[in-house]
Amino acid sequence: MWQEAFSDNEEFVNDFFDKRCAKTYVYSEKEVPMGMVSVFDITLNNIKGAYIYALVVDRTYRSKGIATALLDAVQ
């Protein structure tokens, strides 16, 4: 799903998930992944927040509220 959305090569994707300190949330139904979001925890001027690095919903499942559900999970 990541590679289709962002055109990153497999090495980059594997490296991201293996070595980055991002949290990744996956939306799935019946064990079918439909969307995902990766976020980094950040602090700016002593205010904690999150940086959304990647948000993608498989084109088959778009317009069903999945991105909203993922962003709600991040909050």
PDB file of N, CA and C in Angstrom:
ATOM      1  N   MET A   1       0.836  -1.187   0.000  1.00  0.00           N
ATOM      2  CA  MET A   1       0.000   0.000   0.000  1.00  0.00           C
ATOM      3  C   MET A   1       0.881   1.251   0.000  1.00  0.00           C
ATOM      4  N   TRP A   2       1.920   1.248   0.832  1.00  0.00           N
ATOM      5  CA  TRP A   2       2.845   2.394   0.914  1.00  0.00           C
ATOM      6  C   TRP A   2       3.506   2.624  -0.439  1.00  0.00           C
ATOM      7  N   GLN A   3       4.050   1.561  -1.011  1.00  0.00           N
ATOM      8  CA  GLN A   3       4.775   1.704  -2.271  1.00  0.00           C
ATOM      9  C   GLN A   3       3.861   2.203  -3.384  1.00  0.00           C
ATOM     10  N   GLU A   4       2.646   1.750  -3.429  1.00  0.00           N
ATOM     11  CA  GLU A   4       1.719   2.198  -4.465  1.00  0.00           C
ATOM     12  C   GLU A   4       1.400   3.681  -4.307  1.00  0.00           C
ATOM     13  N   ALA A   5       1.222   4.113  -3.065  1.00  0.00           N
ATOM     14  CA  ALA A   5       0.838   5.509  -2.818  1.00  0.00           C
ATOM     15  C   ALA A   5       1.998   6.480  -3.011  1.00  0.00           C
ATOM     16  N   PHE A   6       3.192   6.100  -2.564  1.00  0.00           N
ATOM     17  CA  PHE A   6       4.303   7.055  -2.518  1.00  0.00           C
ATOM     18  C   PHE A   6       5.455   6.727  -3.465  1.00  0.00           C
ATOM     19  N   SER A   7       5.401   5.603  -4.138  1.00  0.00           N
ATOM     20  CA  SER A   7       6.429   5.186  -5.107  1.00  0.00           C
ATOM     21  C   SER A   7       7.815   5.012  -4.496  1.00  0.00           C
ATOM     22  N   ASP A   8       7.881   4.751  -3.188  1.00  0.00           N
ATOM     23  CA  ASP A   8       9.171   4.472  -2.554  1.00  0.00           C
ATOM     24  C   ASP A   8       9.570   3.034  -2.844  1.00  0.00           C
ATOM     25  N   ASN A   9      10.885   2.796  -2.931  1.00  0.00           N
ATOM     26  CA  ASN A   9      11.319   1.432  -3.200  1.00  0.00           C
ATOM     27  C   ASN A   9      11.204   0.576  -1.940  1.00  0.00           C
ATOM     28  N   GLU A  10      11.246  -0.719  -2.145  1.00  0.00           N
ATOM     29  CA  GLU A  10      11.048  -1.668  -1.053  1.00  0.00           C
ATOM     30  C   GLU A  10      12.095  -1.494   0.049  1.00  0.00           C
ATOM     31  N   GLU A  11      13.325  -1.192  -0.326  1.00  0.00           N
ATOM     32  CA  GLU A  11      14.389  -0.992   0.662  1.00  0.00           C
ATOM     33  C   GLU A  11      14.054   0.172   1.599  1.00  0.00           C
ATOM     34  N   PHE A  12      13.583   1.294   1.035  1.00  0.00           N
ATOM     35  CA  PHE A  12      13.210   2.441   1.864  1.00  0.00           C
ATOM     36  C   PHE A  12      12.072   2.078   2.810  1.00  0.00           C
ATOM     37  N   VAL A  13      11.061   1.413   2.294  1.00  0.00           N
ATOM     38  CA  VAL A  13       9.895   1.057   3.117  1.00  0.00           C
ATOM     39  C   VAL A  13      10.316   0.141   4.261  1.00  0.00           C
ATOM     40  N   ASN A  14      11.092  -0.879   3.959  1.00  0.00           N
ATOM     41  CA  ASN A  14      11.554  -1.791   5.014  1.00  0.00           C
ATOM     42  C   ASN A  14      12.397  -1.058   6.042  1.00  0.00           C
ATOM     43  N   ASP A  15      13.273  -0.174   5.583  1.00  0.00           N
ATOM     44  CA  ASP A  15      14.113   0.608   6.489  1.00  0.00           C
ATOM     45  C   ASP A  15      13.257   1.495   7.389  1.00  0.00           C
ATOM     46  N   PHE A  16      12.247   2.121   6.808  1.00  0.00           N
ATOM     47  CA  PHE A  16      11.367   2.995   7.588  1.00  0.00           C
ATOM     48  C   PHE A  16      10.726   2.223   8.736  1.00  0.00           C
ATOM     49  N   PHE A  17      10.158   1.065   8.446  1.00  0.00           N
ATOM     50  CA  PHE A  17       9.465   0.306   9.476  1.00  0.00           C
ATOM     51  C   PHE A  17      10.426  -0.363  10.460  1.00  0.00           C
ATOM     52  N   ASP A  18      11.637  -0.676  10.018  1.00  0.00           N
ATOM     53  CA  ASP A  18      12.601  -1.334  10.901  1.00  0.00           C
ATOM     54  C   ASP A  18      13.340  -0.364  11.822  1.00  0.00           C
ATOM     55  N   LYS A  19      13.616   0.873  11.343  1.00  0.00           N
ATOM     56  CA  LYS A  19      14.543   1.733  12.068  1.00  0.00           C
ATOM     57  C   LYS A  19      13.971   3.057  12.552  1.00  0.00           C
ATOM     58  N   ARG A  20      12.846   3.483  12.073  1.00  0.00           N
ATOM     59  CA  ARG A  20      12.293   4.783  12.470  1.00  0.00           C
ATOM     60  C   ARG A  20      11.527   4.656  13.777  1.00  0.00           C
ATOM     61  N   CYS A  21      11.370   5.756  14.435  1.00  0.00           N
ATOM     62  CA  CYS A  21      10.649   5.791  15.710  1.00  0.00           C
ATOM     63  C   CYS A  21       9.201   6.231  15.503  1.00  0.00           C
ATOM     64  N   ALA A  22       8.650   5.904  14.373  1.00  0.00           N
ATOM     65  CA  ALA A  22       7.273   6.295  14.085  1.00  0.00           C
ATOM     66  C   ALA A  22       6.320   5.228  14.618  1.00  0.00           C
ATOM     67  N   LYS A  23       5.132   5.683  14.959  1.00  0.00           N
ATOM     68  CA  LYS A  23       4.048   4.765  15.280  1.00  0.00           C
ATOM     69  C   LYS A  23       3.213   4.634  14.013  1.00  0.00           C
ATOM     70  N   THR A  24       2.834   3.427  13.694  1.00  0.00           N
ATOM     71  CA  THR A  24       2.013   3.212  12.506  1.00  0.00           C
ATOM     72  C   THR A  24       0.710   2.546  12.924  1.00  0.00           C
ATOM     73  N   TYR A  25      -0.374   3.160  12.500  1.00  0.00           N
ATOM     74  CA  TYR A  25      -1.711   2.645  12.769  1.00  0.00           C
ATOM     75  C   TYR A  25      -2.252   2.083  11.460  1.00  0.00           C
ATOM     76  N   VAL A  26      -2.844   0.912  11.531  1.00  0.00           N
ATOM     77  CA  VAL A  26      -3.406   0.273  10.343  1.00  0.00           C
ATOM     78  C   VAL A  26      -4.894   0.063  10.572  1.00  0.00           C
ATOM     79  N   TYR A  27      -5.687   0.480   9.603  1.00  0.00           N
ATOM     80  CA  TYR A  27      -7.122   0.231   9.632  1.00  0.00           C
ATOM     81  C   TYR A  27      -7.378  -1.016   8.809  1.00  0.00           C
ATOM     82  N   SER A  28      -8.045  -1.997   9.425  1.00  0.00           N
ATOM     83  CA  SER A  28      -8.358  -3.217   8.697  1.00  0.00           C
ATOM     84  C   SER A  28      -9.713  -3.749   9.131  1.00  0.00           C
ATOM     85  N   GLU A  29     -10.316  -4.500   8.265  1.00  0.00           N
ATOM     86  CA  GLU A  29     -11.543  -5.219   8.555  1.00  0.00           C
ATOM     87  C   GLU A  29     -11.349  -6.640   8.060  1.00  0.00           C
ATOM     88  N   LYS A  30     -11.703  -7.610   8.903  1.00  0.00           N
ATOM     89  CA  LYS A  30     -11.545  -9.032   8.561  1.00  0.00           C
ATOM     90  C   LYS A  30     -10.124  -9.327   8.099  1.00  0.00           C
ATOM     91  N   GLU A  31      -9.157  -8.713   8.787  1.00  0.00           N
ATOM     92  CA  GLU A  31      -7.729  -8.899   8.540  1.00  0.00           C
ATOM     93  C   GLU A  31      -7.275  -8.390   7.164  1.00  0.00           C
ATOM     94  N   VAL A  32      -8.068  -7.530   6.543  1.00  0.00           N
ATOM     95  CA  VAL A  32      -7.691  -6.917   5.268  1.00  0.00           C
ATOM     96  C   VAL A  32      -7.272  -5.475   5.544  1.00  0.00           C
ATOM     97  N   PRO A  33      -5.981  -5.143   5.356  1.00  0.00           N
ATOM     98  CA  PRO A  33      -5.556  -3.757   5.581  1.00  0.00           C
ATOM     99  C   PRO A  33      -6.158  -2.838   4.517  1.00  0.00           C
ATOM    100  N   MET A  34      -6.749  -1.745   4.988  1.00  0.00           N
ATOM    101  CA  MET A  34      -7.419  -0.817   4.079  1.00  0.00           C
ATOM    102  C   MET A  34      -6.783   0.565   4.082  1.00  0.00           C
ATOM    103  N   GLY A  35      -6.081   0.893   5.155  1.00  0.00           N
ATOM    104  CA  GLY A  35      -5.440   2.188   5.255  1.00  0.00           C
ATOM    105  C   GLY A  35      -4.407   2.182   6.360  1.00  0.00           C
ATOM    106  N   MET A  36      -3.546   3.198   6.349  1.00  0.00           N
ATOM    107  CA  MET A  36      -2.513   3.297   7.378  1.00  0.00           C
ATOM    108  C   MET A  36      -2.068   4.739   7.523  1.00  0.00           C
ATOM    109  N   VAL A  37      -1.564   5.031   8.711  1.00  0.00           N
ATOM    110  CA  VAL A  37      -0.969   6.337   8.959  1.00  0.00           C
ATOM    111  C   VAL A  37       0.252   6.117   9.851  1.00  0.00           C
ATOM    112  N   SER A  38       1.341   6.802   9.531  1.00  0.00           N
ATOM    113  CA  SER A  38       2.545   6.762  10.357  1.00  0.00           C
ATOM    114  C   SER A  38       2.787   8.155  10.923  1.00  0.00           C
ATOM    115  N   VAL A  39       3.083   8.218  12.207  1.00  0.00           N
ATOM    116  CA  VAL A  39       3.285   9.504  12.878  1.00  0.00           C
ATOM    117  C   VAL A  39       4.525   9.449  13.766  1.00  0.00           C
ATOM    118  N   PHE A  40       5.163  10.598  13.887  1.00  0.00           N
ATOM    119  CA  PHE A  40       6.282  10.766  14.806  1.00  0.00           C
ATOM    120  C   PHE A  40       5.818  11.648  15.950  1.00  0.00           C
ATOM    121  N   ASP A  41       6.158  11.279  17.178  1.00  0.00           N
ATOM    122  CA  ASP A  41       5.935  12.176  18.311  1.00  0.00           C
ATOM    123  C   ASP A  41       6.951  13.306  18.223  1.00  0.00           C
ATOM    124  N   ILE A  42       6.506  14.534  18.420  1.00  0.00           N
ATOM    125  CA  ILE A  42       7.403  15.686  18.367  1.00  0.00           C
ATOM    126  C   ILE A  42       7.125  16.614  19.544  1.00  0.00           C
ATOM    127  N   THR A  43       8.101  17.436  19.861  1.00  0.00           N
ATOM    128  CA  THR A  43       7.934  18.503  20.840  1.00  0.00           C
ATOM    129  C   THR A  43       8.473  19.774  20.209  1.00  0.00           C
ATOM    130  N   LEU A  44       7.659  20.812  20.220  1.00  0.00           N
ATOM    131  CA  LEU A  44       8.036  22.094  19.645  1.00  0.00           C
ATOM    132  C   LEU A  44       7.654  23.176  20.637  1.00  0.00           C
ATOM    133  N   ASN A  45       8.642  23.943  21.074  1.00  0.00           N
ATOM    134  CA  ASN A  45       8.411  24.973  22.099  1.00  0.00           C
ATOM    135  C   ASN A  45       7.732  24.391  23.336  1.00  0.00           C
ATOM    136  N   ASN A  46       8.213  23.221  23.761  1.00  0.00           N
ATOM    137  CA  ASN A  46       7.697  22.506  24.930  1.00  0.00           C
ATOM    138  C   ASN A  46       6.245  22.055  24.792  1.00  0.00           C
ATOM    139  N   ILE A  47       5.737  22.013  23.575  1.00  0.00           N
ATOM    140  CA  ILE A  47       4.384  21.517  23.325  1.00  0.00           C
ATOM    141  C   ILE A  47       4.507  20.189  22.581  1.00  0.00           C
ATOM    142  N   LYS A  48       3.919  19.143  23.166  1.00  0.00           N
ATOM    143  CA  LYS A  48       3.983  17.828  22.541  1.00  0.00           C
ATOM    144  C   LYS A  48       2.912  17.709  21.464  1.00  0.00           C
ATOM    145  N   GLY A  49       3.276  17.046  20.392  1.00  0.00           N
ATOM    146  CA  GLY A  49       2.347  16.844  19.297  1.00  0.00           C
ATOM    147  C   GLY A  49       2.771  15.652  18.466  1.00  0.00           C
ATOM    148  N   ALA A  50       2.212  15.569  17.288  1.00  0.00           N
ATOM    149  CA  ALA A  50       2.533  14.474  16.378  1.00  0.00           C
ATOM    150  C   ALA A  50       2.711  15.026  14.978  1.00  0.00           C
ATOM    151  N   TYR A  51       3.673  14.473  14.260  1.00  0.00           N
ATOM    152  CA  TYR A  51       3.920  14.828  12.876  1.00  0.00           C
ATOM    153  C   TYR A  51       3.437  13.664  12.014  1.00  0.00           C
ATOM    154  N   ILE A  52       2.445  13.924  11.191  1.00  0.00           N
ATOM    155  CA  ILE A  52       1.926  12.877  10.317  1.00  0.00           C
ATOM    156  C   ILE A  52       2.862  12.761   9.123  1.00  0.00           C
ATOM    157  N   TYR A  53       3.501  11.613   9.019  1.00  0.00           N
ATOM    158  CA  TYR A  53       4.478  11.399   7.949  1.00  0.00           C
ATOM    159  C   TYR A  53       3.817  10.783   6.719  1.00  0.00           C
ATOM    160  N   ALA A  54       2.893   9.887   6.929  1.00  0.00           N
ATOM    161  CA  ALA A  54       2.271   9.207   5.796  1.00  0.00           C
ATOM    162  C   ALA A  54       0.851   8.811   6.165  1.00  0.00           C
ATOM    163  N   LEU A  55      -0.074   9.121   5.292  1.00  0.00           N
ATOM    164  CA  LEU A  55      -1.470   8.707   5.443  1.00  0.00           C
ATOM    165  C   LEU A  55      -1.924   8.200   4.091  1.00  0.00           C
ATOM    166  N   VAL A  56      -2.389   6.971   4.047  1.00  0.00           N
ATOM    167  CA  VAL A  56      -2.825   6.394   2.783  1.00  0.00           C
ATOM    168  C   VAL A  56      -4.006   5.462   3.032  1.00  0.00           C
ATOM    169  N   VAL A  57      -4.958   5.505   2.110  1.00  0.00           N
ATOM    170  CA  VAL A  57      -6.079   4.574   2.103  1.00  0.00           C
ATOM    171  C   VAL A  57      -6.076   3.910   0.727  1.00  0.00           C
ATOM    172  N   ASP A  58      -6.141   2.589   0.725  1.00  0.00           N
ATOM    173  CA  ASP A  58      -6.191   1.850  -0.531  1.00  0.00           C
ATOM    174  C   ASP A  58      -7.339   2.401  -1.381  1.00  0.00           C
ATOM    175  N   ARG A  59      -7.089   2.607  -2.660  1.00  0.00           N
ATOM    176  CA  ARG A  59      -8.103   3.246  -3.518  1.00  0.00           C
ATOM    177  C   ARG A  59      -9.429   2.495  -3.536  1.00  0.00           C
ATOM    178  N   THR A  60      -9.410   1.208  -3.317  1.00  0.00           N
ATOM    179  CA  THR A  60     -10.638   0.424  -3.293  1.00  0.00           C
ATOM    180  C   THR A  60     -11.562   0.841  -2.146  1.00  0.00           C
ATOM    181  N   TYR A  61     -10.973   1.351  -1.061  1.00  0.00           N
ATOM    182  CA  TYR A  61     -11.744   1.623   0.151  1.00  0.00           C
ATOM    183  C   TYR A  61     -11.883   3.115   0.465  1.00  0.00           C
ATOM    184  N   ARG A  62     -11.579   3.967  -0.479  1.00  0.00           N
ATOM    185  CA  ARG A  62     -11.671   5.407  -0.232  1.00  0.00           C
ATOM    186  C   ARG A  62     -13.124   5.853  -0.126  1.00  0.00           C
ATOM    187  N   SER A  63     -13.319   7.015   0.517  1.00  0.00           N
ATOM    188  CA  SER A  63     -14.648   7.632   0.732  1.00  0.00           C
ATOM    189  C   SER A  63     -15.529   6.807   1.657  1.00  0.00           C
ATOM    190  N   LYS A  64     -14.901   6.090   2.585  1.00  0.00           N
ATOM    191  CA  LYS A  64     -15.643   5.289   3.555  1.00  0.00           C
ATOM    192  C   LYS A  64     -15.327   5.704   4.994  1.00  0.00           C
ATOM    193  N   GLY A  65     -14.624   6.843   5.159  1.00  0.00           N
ATOM    194  CA  GLY A  65     -14.307   7.332   6.495  1.00  0.00           C
ATOM    195  C   GLY A  65     -13.074   6.715   7.124  1.00  0.00           C
ATOM    196  N   ILE A  66     -12.299   5.985   6.362  1.00  0.00           N
ATOM    197  CA  ILE A  66     -11.123   5.302   6.906  1.00  0.00           C
ATOM    198  C   ILE A  66     -10.040   6.297   7.307  1.00  0.00           C
ATOM    199  N   ALA A  67      -9.765   7.305   6.488  1.00  0.00           N
ATOM    200  CA  ALA A  67      -8.762   8.316   6.847  1.00  0.00           C
ATOM    201  C   ALA A  67      -9.181   9.044   8.119  1.00  0.00           C
ATOM    202  N   THR A  68     -10.445   9.358   8.234  1.00  0.00           N
ATOM    203  CA  THR A  68     -10.951  10.018   9.452  1.00  0.00           C
ATOM    204  C   THR A  68     -10.745   9.114  10.662  1.00  0.00           C
ATOM    205  N   ALA A  69     -11.040   7.850  10.528  1.00  0.00           N
ATOM    206  CA  ALA A  69     -10.856   6.902  11.639  1.00  0.00           C
ATOM    207  C   ALA A  69      -9.379   6.814  12.032  1.00  0.00           C
ATOM    208  N   LEU A  70      -8.496   6.826  11.051  1.00  0.00           N
ATOM    209  CA  LEU A  70      -7.059   6.769  11.344  1.00  0.00           C
ATOM    210  C   LEU A  70      -6.605   8.036  12.065  1.00  0.00           C
ATOM    211  N   LEU A  71      -7.050   9.179  11.602  1.00  0.00           N
ATOM    212  CA  LEU A  71      -6.673  10.439  12.271  1.00  0.00           C
ATOM    213  C   LEU A  71      -7.258  10.524  13.673  1.00  0.00           C
ATOM    214  N   ASP A  72      -8.455   9.996  13.868  1.00  0.00           N
ATOM    215  CA  ASP A  72      -9.028   9.939  15.215  1.00  0.00           C
ATOM    216  C   ASP A  72      -8.171   9.060  16.133  1.00  0.00           C
ATOM    217  N   ALA A  73      -7.654   7.976  15.598  1.00  0.00           N
ATOM    218  CA  ALA A  73      -6.785   7.078  16.386  1.00  0.00           C
ATOM    219  C   ALA A  73      -5.493   7.782  16.781  1.00  0.00           C
ATOM    220  N   VAL A  74      -4.964   8.597  15.886  1.00  0.00           N
ATOM    221  CA  VAL A  74      -3.732   9.343  16.166  1.00  0.00           C
ATOM    222  C   VAL A  74      -3.955  10.342  17.302  1.00  0.00           C
ATOM    223  N   GLN A  75      -5.109  10.975  17.286  1.00  0.00           N
ATOM    224  CA  GLN A  75      -5.398  11.989  18.325  1.00  0.00           C
ATOM    225  C   GLN A  75      -5.503  11.330  19.663  1.00  0.00           C
TER     226      GLN A  75
END
